[in-house]
PDB file of N, CA and C in Angstrom:
ATOM      1  N   UNK A   1      18.078 -63.300  33.136  1.00  0.00           N
ATOM      2  CA  UNK A   1      18.565 -63.004  34.982  1.00  0.00           C
ATOM      3  C   UNK A   1      17.222 -61.959  34.487  1.00  0.00           C
ATOM      4  N   UNK A   2      16.506 -62.163  35.945  1.00  0.00           N
ATOM      5  CA  UNK A   2      15.440 -61.467  36.081  1.00  0.00           C
ATOM      6  C   UNK A   2      15.865 -60.048  36.999  1.00  0.00           C
ATOM      7  N   UNK A   3      15.209 -59.198  36.600  1.00  0.00           N
ATOM      8  CA  UNK A   3      15.874 -57.944  37.178  1.00  0.00           C
ATOM      9  C   UNK A   3      14.315 -57.266  38.422  1.00  0.00           C
ATOM     10  N   UNK A   4      14.645 -56.687  39.215  1.00  0.00           N
ATOM     11  CA  UNK A   4      13.811 -56.287  40.317  1.00  0.00           C
ATOM     12  C   UNK A   4      13.523 -55.144  39.712  1.00  0.00           C
ATOM     13  N   UNK A   5      12.295 -54.741  40.010  1.00  0.00           N
ATOM     14  CA  UNK A   5      11.541 -53.326  39.860  1.00  0.00           C
ATOM     15  C   UNK A   5      11.674 -53.012  41.283  1.00  0.00           C
ATOM     16  N   UNK A   6      12.169 -51.578  41.205  1.00  0.00           N
ATOM     17  CA  UNK A   6      12.406 -50.515  42.294  1.00  0.00           C
ATOM     18  C   UNK A   6      11.503 -49.580  41.889  1.00  0.00           C
ATOM     19  N   UNK A   7      11.208 -48.850  43.060  1.00  0.00           N
ATOM     20  CA  UNK A   7      10.279 -47.762  42.954  1.00  0.00           C
ATOM     21  C   UNK A   7      11.043 -46.583  42.744  1.00  0.00           C
ATOM     22  N   UNK A   8      12.171 -46.503  41.815  1.00  0.00           N
ATOM     23  CA  UNK A   8      13.153 -45.617  41.306  1.00  0.00           C
ATOM     24  C   UNK A   8      12.584 -44.284  40.637  1.00  0.00           C
ATOM     25  N   UNK A   9      12.298 -43.366  40.490  1.00  0.00           N
ATOM     26  CA  UNK A   9      12.327 -41.853  39.756  1.00  0.00           C
ATOM     27  C   UNK A   9      12.299 -42.550  38.234  1.00  0.00           C
ATOM     28  N   UNK A  10      11.848 -42.083  37.031  1.00  0.00           N
ATOM     29  CA  UNK A  10      11.695 -42.563  35.819  1.00  0.00           C
ATOM     30  C   UNK A  10      12.277 -41.265  34.952  1.00  0.00           C
ATOM     31  N   UNK A  11      12.931 -41.376  33.715  1.00  0.00           N
ATOM     32  CA  UNK A  11      13.540 -40.428  33.375  1.00  0.00           C
ATOM     33  C   UNK A  11      12.935 -38.712  33.627  1.00  0.00           C
ATOM     34  N   UNK A  12      11.692 -38.314  33.488  1.00  0.00           N
ATOM     35  CA  UNK A  12      11.104 -37.236  33.732  1.00  0.00           C
ATOM     36  C   UNK A  12      11.501 -36.823  34.959  1.00  0.00           C
ATOM     37  N   UNK A  13      11.542 -37.662  36.072  1.00  0.00           N
ATOM     38  CA  UNK A  13      12.003 -37.047  37.515  1.00  0.00           C
ATOM     39  C   UNK A  13      10.877 -37.306  38.192  1.00  0.00           C
ATOM     40  N   UNK A  14       9.672 -38.065  37.843  1.00  0.00           N
ATOM     41  CA  UNK A  14       8.478 -38.387  38.775  1.00  0.00           C
ATOM     42  C   UNK A  14       8.719 -39.860  38.639  1.00  0.00           C
ATOM     43  N   UNK A  15       8.020 -39.812  40.215  1.00  0.00           N
ATOM     44  CA  UNK A  15       7.796 -41.274  40.608  1.00  0.00           C
ATOM     45  C   UNK A  15       6.336 -41.828  39.999  1.00  0.00           C
ATOM     46  N   UNK A  16       6.757 -43.357  39.580  1.00  0.00           N
ATOM     47  CA  UNK A  16       5.561 -44.028  39.184  1.00  0.00           C
ATOM     48  C   UNK A  16       4.322 -44.177  40.176  1.00  0.00           C
ATOM     49  N   UNK A  17       3.208 -43.742  39.359  1.00  0.00           N
ATOM     50  CA  UNK A  17       1.831 -44.161  40.674  1.00  0.00           C
ATOM     51  C   UNK A  17       1.626 -45.264  40.581  1.00  0.00           C
ATOM     52  N   UNK A  18       1.409 -45.456  42.588  1.00  0.00           N
ATOM     53  CA  UNK A  18       1.227 -47.079  42.746  1.00  0.00           C
ATOM     54  C   UNK A  18      -0.035 -47.559  43.041  1.00  0.00           C
ATOM     55  N   UNK A  19      -0.370 -49.030  42.921  1.00  0.00           N
ATOM     56  CA  UNK A  19      -1.704 -49.225  42.778  1.00  0.00           C
ATOM     57  C   UNK A  19      -2.705 -48.560  43.925  1.00  0.00           C
ATOM     58  N   UNK A  20      -2.002 -48.755  45.349  1.00  0.00           N
ATOM     59  CA  UNK A  20      -2.766 -48.107  46.498  1.00  0.00           C
ATOM     60  C   UNK A  20      -3.382 -46.662  46.319  1.00  0.00           C
ATOM     61  N   UNK A  21      -2.255 -45.670  45.236  1.00  0.00           N
ATOM     62  CA  UNK A  21      -2.410 -44.501  45.299  1.00  0.00           C
ATOM     63  C   UNK A  21      -3.533 -44.061  44.537  1.00  0.00           C
ATOM     64  N   UNK A  22      -3.884 -45.117  43.278  1.00  0.00           N
ATOM     65  CA  UNK A  22      -4.731 -44.758  42.869  1.00  0.00           C
ATOM     66  C   UNK A  22      -5.818 -45.262  43.290  1.00  0.00           C
ATOM     67  N   UNK A  23      -6.150 -46.221  43.855  1.00  0.00           N
ATOM     68  CA  UNK A  23      -7.245 -46.707  44.514  1.00  0.00           C
ATOM     69  C   UNK A  23      -7.815 -45.746  45.747  1.00  0.00           C
ATOM     70  N   UNK A  24      -6.895 -45.323  46.243  1.00  0.00           N
ATOM     71  CA  UNK A  24      -7.362 -44.336  47.477  1.00  0.00           C
ATOM     72  C   UNK A  24      -8.082 -42.853  46.731  1.00  0.00           C
ATOM     73  N   UNK A  25      -7.391 -42.655  45.884  1.00  0.00           N
ATOM     74  CA  UNK A  25      -7.752 -41.316  45.218  1.00  0.00           C
ATOM     75  C   UNK A  25      -9.257 -41.691  44.627  1.00  0.00           C
ATOM     76  N   UNK A  26      -9.434 -42.583  44.133  1.00  0.00           N
ATOM     77  CA  UNK A  26     -10.685 -42.608  43.392  1.00  0.00           C
ATOM     78  C   UNK A  26     -11.450 -43.338  44.553  1.00  0.00           C
ATOM     79  N   UNK A  27     -11.371 -43.491  45.579  1.00  0.00           N
ATOM     80  CA  UNK A  27     -11.955 -43.708  46.801  1.00  0.00           C
ATOM     81  C   UNK A  27     -12.674 -42.579  46.940  1.00  0.00           C
ATOM     82  N   UNK A  28     -11.749 -41.689  47.279  1.00  0.00           N
ATOM     83  CA  UNK A  28     -12.174 -40.280  47.699  1.00  0.00           C
ATOM     84  C   UNK A  28     -13.244 -39.426  46.360  1.00  0.00           C
ATOM     85  N   UNK A  29     -12.535 -39.805  45.086  1.00  0.00           N
ATOM     86  CA  UNK A  29     -13.423 -39.205  44.221  1.00  0.00           C
ATOM     87  C   UNK A  29     -15.110 -39.370  44.428  1.00  0.00           C
ATOM     88  N   UNK A  30     -14.989 -41.079  44.749  1.00  0.00           N
ATOM     89  CA  UNK A  30     -16.035 -41.579  44.752  1.00  0.00           C
ATOM     90  C   UNK A  30     -16.988 -40.952  46.174  1.00  0.00           C
ATOM     91  N   UNK A  31     -16.259 -41.102  47.076  1.00  0.00           N
ATOM     92  CA  UNK A  31     -17.374 -40.901  48.224  1.00  0.00           C
ATOM     93  C   UNK A  31     -17.283 -38.772  48.132  1.00  0.00           C
ATOM     94  N   UNK A  32     -17.015 -38.324  47.458  1.00  0.00           N
ATOM     95  CA  UNK A  32     -17.160 -37.099  47.003  1.00  0.00           C
ATOM     96  C   UNK A  32     -18.599 -36.691  46.376  1.00  0.00           C
ATOM     97  N   UNK A  33     -18.658 -37.712  45.279  1.00  0.00           N
ATOM     98  CA  UNK A  33     -19.679 -37.733  44.410  1.00  0.00           C
ATOM     99  C   UNK A  33     -20.809 -38.071  45.144  1.00  0.00           C
ATOM    100  N   UNK A  34     -20.650 -39.243  45.902  1.00  0.00           N
ATOM    101  CA  UNK A  34     -21.986 -40.026  46.817  1.00  0.00           C
ATOM    102  C   UNK A  34     -22.364 -38.554  47.616  1.00  0.00           C
ATOM    103  N   UNK A  35     -21.620 -37.691  48.343  1.00  0.00           N
ATOM    104  CA  UNK A  35     -22.079 -37.053  49.322  1.00  0.00           C
ATOM    105  C   UNK A  35     -22.680 -35.871  48.402  1.00  0.00           C
ATOM    106  N   UNK A  36     -21.874 -35.562  47.208  1.00  0.00           N
ATOM    107  CA  UNK A  36     -23.014 -34.619  46.475  1.00  0.00           C
ATOM    108  C   UNK A  36     -24.096 -34.694  45.768  1.00  0.00           C
ATOM    109  N   UNK A  37     -24.421 -36.344  45.469  1.00  0.00           N
ATOM    110  CA  UNK A  37     -25.660 -37.068  45.000  1.00  0.00           C
ATOM    111  C   UNK A  37     -26.828 -37.191  46.356  1.00  0.00           C
ATOM    112  N   UNK A  38     -25.871 -37.500  47.656  1.00  0.00           N
ATOM    113  CA  UNK A  38     -27.164 -37.233  48.697  1.00  0.00           C
ATOM    114  C   UNK A  38     -27.412 -35.976  49.171  1.00  0.00           C
ATOM    115  N   UNK A  39     -26.625 -34.941  48.577  1.00  0.00           N
ATOM    116  CA  UNK A  39     -26.957 -33.809  49.209  1.00  0.00           C
ATOM    117  C   UNK A  39     -28.134 -33.625  48.168  1.00  0.00           C
ATOM    118  N   UNK A  40     -28.036 -33.735  47.192  1.00  0.00           N
ATOM    119  CA  UNK A  40     -29.149 -33.691  45.902  1.00  0.00           C
ATOM    120  C   UNK A  40     -30.584 -33.960  46.410  1.00  0.00           C
ATOM    121  N   UNK A  41     -30.097 -35.460  46.688  1.00  0.00           N
ATOM    122  CA  UNK A  41     -31.433 -36.110  46.844  1.00  0.00           C
ATOM    123  C   UNK A  41     -31.905 -35.508  48.410  1.00  0.00           C
ATOM    124  N   UNK A  42     -31.241 -34.815  49.293  1.00  0.00           N
ATOM    125  CA  UNK A  42     -32.128 -33.952  50.201  1.00  0.00           C
ATOM    126  C   UNK A  42     -32.768 -33.016  50.090  1.00  0.00           C
ATOM    127  N   UNK A  43     -32.457 -32.367  48.998  1.00  0.00           N
ATOM    128  CA  UNK A  43     -32.723 -31.216  48.235  1.00  0.00           C
ATOM    129  C   UNK A  43     -34.431 -31.418  47.524  1.00  0.00           C
ATOM    130  N   UNK A  44     -33.947 -32.463  46.874  1.00  0.00           N
ATOM    131  CA  UNK A  44     -35.071 -32.886  46.290  1.00  0.00           C
ATOM    132  C   UNK A  44     -36.344 -33.180  46.992  1.00  0.00           C
ATOM    133  N   UNK A  45     -36.154 -34.345  47.992  1.00  0.00           N
ATOM    134  CA  UNK A  45     -36.668 -34.730  49.113  1.00  0.00           C
ATOM    135  C   UNK A  45     -37.384 -33.786  49.936  1.00  0.00           C
ATOM    136  N   UNK A  46     -36.356 -32.522  49.903  1.00  0.00           N
ATOM    137  CA  UNK A  46     -37.548 -31.252  50.780  1.00  0.00           C
ATOM    138  C   UNK A  46     -38.187 -30.853  49.960  1.00  0.00           C
ATOM    139  N   UNK A  47     -38.247 -30.393  48.739  1.00  0.00           N
ATOM    140  CA  UNK A  47     -39.042 -29.894  47.784  1.00  0.00           C
ATOM    141  C   UNK A  47     -40.374 -30.834  47.397  1.00  0.00           C
ATOM    142  N   UNK A  48     -40.413 -32.211  47.564  1.00  0.00           N
ATOM    143  CA  UNK A  48     -41.546 -33.241  47.404  1.00  0.00           C
ATOM    144  C   UNK A  48     -41.749 -33.214  48.897  1.00  0.00           C
ATOM    145  N   UNK A  49     -41.299 -32.571  50.197  1.00  0.00           N
ATOM    146  CA  UNK A  49     -41.703 -32.868  51.240  1.00  0.00           C
ATOM    147  C   UNK A  49     -41.799 -34.285  52.075  1.00  0.00           C
ATOM    148  N   UNK A  50     -40.802 -34.886  51.786  1.00  0.00           N
ATOM    149  CA  UNK A  50     -40.390 -36.141  52.560  1.00  0.00           C
ATOM    150  C   UNK A  50     -40.058 -36.744  53.728  1.00  0.00           C
ATOM    151  N   UNK A  51     -40.433 -37.598  54.013  1.00  0.00           N
ATOM    152  CA  UNK A  51     -40.568 -38.026  55.505  1.00  0.00           C
ATOM    153  C   UNK A  51     -39.157 -38.232  55.854  1.00  0.00           C
ATOM    154  N   UNK A  52     -38.347 -37.114  56.531  1.00  0.00           N
ATOM    155  CA  UNK A  52     -36.856 -37.633  56.777  1.00  0.00           C
ATOM    156  C   UNK A  52     -36.338 -38.163  58.276  1.00  0.00           C
ATOM    157  N   UNK A  53     -37.813 -38.718  58.742  1.00  0.00           N
ATOM    158  CA  UNK A  53     -37.725 -39.320  60.105  1.00  0.00           C
ATOM    159  C   UNK A  53     -37.452 -41.084  59.598  1.00  0.00           C
ATOM    160  N   UNK A  54     -37.035 -41.562  58.620  1.00  0.00           N
ATOM    161  CA  UNK A  54     -36.980 -42.746  58.234  1.00  0.00           C
ATOM    162  C   UNK A  54     -35.605 -43.139  58.259  1.00  0.00           C
ATOM    163  N   UNK A  55     -35.253 -44.300  58.292  1.00  0.00           N
ATOM    164  CA  UNK A  55     -33.649 -44.374  58.545  1.00  0.00           C
ATOM    165  C   UNK A  55     -32.738 -44.403  57.171  1.00  0.00           C
ATOM    166  N   UNK A  56     -33.707 -44.490  56.127  1.00  0.00           N
ATOM    167  CA  UNK A  56     -33.082 -44.343  54.912  1.00  0.00           C
ATOM    168  C   UNK A  56     -32.491 -42.929  54.796  1.00  0.00           C
ATOM    169  N   UNK A  57     -33.622 -42.343  55.114  1.00  0.00           N
ATOM    170  CA  UNK A  57     -33.100 -40.527  55.324  1.00  0.00           C
ATOM    171  C   UNK A  57     -32.307 -40.167  56.060  1.00  0.00           C
ATOM    172  N   UNK A  58     -32.169 -40.680  57.378  1.00  0.00           N
ATOM    173  CA  UNK A  58     -31.057 -40.465  57.939  1.00  0.00           C
ATOM    174  C   UNK A  58     -29.627 -40.842  58.007  1.00  0.00           C
ATOM    175  N   UNK A  59     -29.998 -42.083  57.115  1.00  0.00           N
ATOM    176  CA  UNK A  59     -28.472 -42.618  56.516  1.00  0.00           C
ATOM    177  C   UNK A  59     -27.836 -41.536  55.440  1.00  0.00           C
ATOM    178  N   UNK A  60     -28.820 -40.823  54.526  1.00  0.00           N
ATOM    179  CA  UNK A  60     -28.447 -40.154  53.641  1.00  0.00           C
ATOM    180  C   UNK A  60     -27.973 -38.512  53.969  1.00  0.00           C
ATOM    181  N   UNK A  61     -28.530 -38.236  54.776  1.00  0.00           N
ATOM    182  CA  UNK A  61     -28.135 -37.045  55.962  1.00  0.00           C
ATOM    183  C   UNK A  61     -26.833 -37.344  56.200  1.00  0.00           C
ATOM    184  N   UNK A  62     -26.818 -38.466  56.986  1.00  0.00           N
ATOM    185  CA  UNK A  62     -25.777 -38.841  57.769  1.00  0.00           C
ATOM    186  C   UNK A  62     -24.241 -39.020  56.721  1.00  0.00           C
ATOM    187  N   UNK A  63     -24.570 -39.545  55.672  1.00  0.00           N
ATOM    188  CA  UNK A  63     -23.279 -39.333  54.423  1.00  0.00           C
ATOM    189  C   UNK A  63     -22.807 -38.211  54.237  1.00  0.00           C
ATOM    190  N   UNK A  64     -24.140 -36.930  54.076  1.00  0.00           N
ATOM    191  CA  UNK A  64     -23.485 -35.766  53.843  1.00  0.00           C
ATOM    192  C   UNK A  64     -22.244 -35.398  54.251  1.00  0.00           C
ATOM    193  N   UNK A  65     -22.551 -35.404  55.864  1.00  0.00           N
ATOM    194  CA  UNK A  65     -21.761 -34.849  56.999  1.00  0.00           C
ATOM    195  C   UNK A  65     -20.271 -35.819  56.837  1.00  0.00           C
ATOM    196  N   UNK A  66     -19.999 -37.372  56.813  1.00  0.00           N
ATOM    197  CA  UNK A  66     -19.041 -37.910  57.030  1.00  0.00           C
ATOM    198  C   UNK A  66     -18.614 -38.422  55.960  1.00  0.00           C
ATOM    199  N   UNK A  67     -18.917 -38.335  54.222  1.00  0.00           N
ATOM    200  CA  UNK A  67     -18.326 -38.523  53.417  1.00  0.00           C
ATOM    201  C   UNK A  67     -17.492 -37.570  52.755  1.00  0.00           C
ATOM    202  N   UNK A  68     -17.287 -36.148  52.739  1.00  0.00           N
ATOM    203  CA  UNK A  68     -16.599 -35.403  52.510  1.00  0.00           C
ATOM    204  C   UNK A  68     -15.274 -35.635  53.830  1.00  0.00           C
ATOM    205  N   UNK A  69     -15.599 -36.151  54.802  1.00  0.00           N
ATOM    206  CA  UNK A  69     -14.457 -35.411  55.519  1.00  0.00           C
ATOM    207  C   UNK A  69     -13.842 -37.320  55.619  1.00  0.00           C
ATOM    208  N   UNK A  70     -14.068 -38.206  55.069  1.00  0.00           N
ATOM    209  CA  UNK A  70     -13.419 -39.396  54.902  1.00  0.00           C
ATOM    210  C   UNK A  70     -12.531 -39.353  53.235  1.00  0.00           C
ATOM    211  N   UNK A  71     -13.381 -38.560  52.442  1.00  0.00           N
ATOM    212  CA  UNK A  71     -12.439 -38.001  51.416  1.00  0.00           C
ATOM    213  C   UNK A  71     -11.347 -36.905  51.756  1.00  0.00           C
ATOM    214  N   UNK A  72     -11.244 -36.259  52.138  1.00  0.00           N
ATOM    215  CA  UNK A  72     -10.056 -35.419  52.728  1.00  0.00           C
ATOM    216  C   UNK A  72      -9.360 -36.276  53.291  1.00  0.00           C
ATOM    217  N   UNK A  73      -9.740 -37.137  54.373  1.00  0.00           N
ATOM    218  CA  UNK A  73      -8.694 -38.151  54.956  1.00  0.00           C
ATOM    219  C   UNK A  73      -7.966 -39.153  53.718  1.00  0.00           C
ATOM    220  N   UNK A  74      -8.658 -39.415  52.952  1.00  0.00           N
ATOM    221  CA  UNK A  74      -8.284 -40.354  51.726  1.00  0.00           C
ATOM    222  C   UNK A  74      -7.339 -39.397  50.955  1.00  0.00           C
ATOM    223  N   UNK A  75      -7.644 -38.684  50.625  1.00  0.00           N
ATOM    224  CA  UNK A  75      -6.759 -37.460  50.053  1.00  0.00           C
ATOM    225  C   UNK A  75      -5.233 -37.212  50.380  1.00  0.00           C
ATOM    226  N   UNK A  76      -5.355 -37.170  52.145  1.00  0.00           N
ATOM    227  CA  UNK A  76      -4.715 -36.585  52.932  1.00  0.00           C
ATOM    228  C   UNK A  76      -3.366 -37.821  52.906  1.00  0.00           C
ATOM    229  N   UNK A  77      -3.752 -38.777  53.085  1.00  0.00           N
ATOM    230  CA  UNK A  77      -3.080 -39.930  53.412  1.00  0.00           C
ATOM    231  C   UNK A  77      -2.006 -40.403  52.022  1.00  0.00           C
ATOM    232  N   UNK A  78      -2.808 -40.104  50.463  1.00  0.00           N
ATOM    233  CA  UNK A  78      -2.649 -40.306  49.695  1.00  0.00           C
ATOM    234  C   UNK A  78      -1.008 -39.041  49.218  1.00  0.00           C
ATOM    235  N   UNK A  79      -1.417 -38.029  50.156  1.00  0.00           N
ATOM    236  CA  UNK A  79      -0.363 -37.023  49.585  1.00  0.00           C
ATOM    237  C   UNK A  79       0.789 -37.127  50.597  1.00  0.00           C
ATOM    238  N   UNK A  80       0.477 -37.599  52.058  1.00  0.00           N
ATOM    239  CA  UNK A  80       1.787 -38.086  53.032  1.00  0.00           C
ATOM    240  C   UNK A  80       2.245 -39.121  52.483  1.00  0.00           C
ATOM    241  N   UNK A  81       1.845 -40.079  51.900  1.00  0.00           N
ATOM    242  CA  UNK A  81       2.833 -41.023  51.099  1.00  0.00           C
ATOM    243  C   UNK A  81       3.321 -40.631  50.015  1.00  0.00           C
ATOM    244  N   UNK A  82       3.042 -39.919  49.336  1.00  0.00           N
ATOM    245  CA  UNK A  82       3.573 -39.643  48.001  1.00  0.00           C
ATOM    246  C   UNK A  82       5.064 -38.788  48.390  1.00  0.00           C
ATOM    247  N   UNK A  83       4.578 -37.632  49.483  1.00  0.00           N
ATOM    248  CA  UNK A  83       5.959 -37.496  49.825  1.00  0.00           C
ATOM    249  C   UNK A  83       6.643 -38.118  50.751  1.00  0.00           C
ATOM    250  N   UNK A  84       6.033 -38.842  51.145  1.00  0.00           N
ATOM    251  CA  UNK A  84       7.460 -39.597  51.988  1.00  0.00           C
ATOM    252  C   UNK A  84       8.194 -40.525  51.324  1.00  0.00           C
ATOM    253  N   UNK A  85       7.471 -41.063  49.666  1.00  0.00           N
ATOM    254  CA  UNK A  85       8.208 -41.744  49.004  1.00  0.00           C
ATOM    255  C   UNK A  85       9.164 -40.705  47.635  1.00  0.00           C
ATOM    256  N   UNK A  86       8.756 -39.651  47.750  1.00  0.00           N
ATOM    257  CA  UNK A  86       9.859 -38.917  46.854  1.00  0.00           C
ATOM    258  C   UNK A  86      10.916 -38.447  47.870  1.00  0.00           C
ATOM    259  N   UNK A  87      10.986 -38.284  49.446  1.00  0.00           N
ATOM    260  CA  UNK A  87      11.899 -38.222  50.028  1.00  0.00           C
ATOM    261  C   UNK A  87      12.229 -39.068  50.231  1.00  0.00           C
ATOM    262  N   UNK A  88      12.080 -40.683  50.294  1.00  0.00           N
ATOM    263  CA  UNK A  88      12.980 -41.595  49.986  1.00  0.00           C
ATOM    264  C   UNK A  88      13.903 -41.585  48.742  1.00  0.00           C
ATOM    265  N   UNK A  89      12.947 -41.485  47.567  1.00  0.00           N
ATOM    266  CA  UNK A  89      13.578 -41.423  46.637  1.00  0.00           C
ATOM    267  C   UNK A  89      14.959 -40.690  46.647  1.00  0.00           C
ATOM    268  N   UNK A  90      14.970 -39.437  47.010  1.00  0.00           N
ATOM    269  CA  UNK A  90      16.070 -38.095  46.812  1.00  0.00           C
ATOM    270  C   UNK A  90      16.727 -38.809  47.577  1.00  0.00           C
ATOM    271  N   UNK A  91      16.339 -39.254  48.592  1.00  0.00           N
ATOM    272  CA  UNK A  91      17.868 -39.860  49.805  1.00  0.00           C
ATOM    273  C   UNK A  91      18.779 -40.539  49.308  1.00  0.00           C
ATOM    274  N   UNK A  92      17.863 -41.755  48.277  1.00  0.00           N
ATOM    275  CA  UNK A  92      18.431 -43.108  47.657  1.00  0.00           C
ATOM    276  C   UNK A  92      19.670 -42.184  46.890  1.00  0.00           C
ATOM    277  N   UNK A  93      18.800 -41.466  45.724  1.00  0.00           N
ATOM    278  CA  UNK A  93      19.254 -41.259  44.519  1.00  0.00           C
ATOM    279  C   UNK A  93      20.157 -39.600  44.580  1.00  0.00           C
TER     280      UNK A  93
END
């Protein structure tokens, strides 16, 4: 007889971590690391007097502004999904 796995709370009361939660969390962390790397590249480029008018530097500059916002949005999505799952698990159990 096959049993179905439902996202019920484990014995410790915590919900199991889903794959989508992990993926979104790591994407958020990756975007933050990318943003910091781009910021460091701009700082180093400024010291070396790089030409920031080229498209690659414009992309790097844009990533410094956009990546942290996207990372925050991804973390917010993970948080909202977790709260919804906990509420549903609490209502069912």
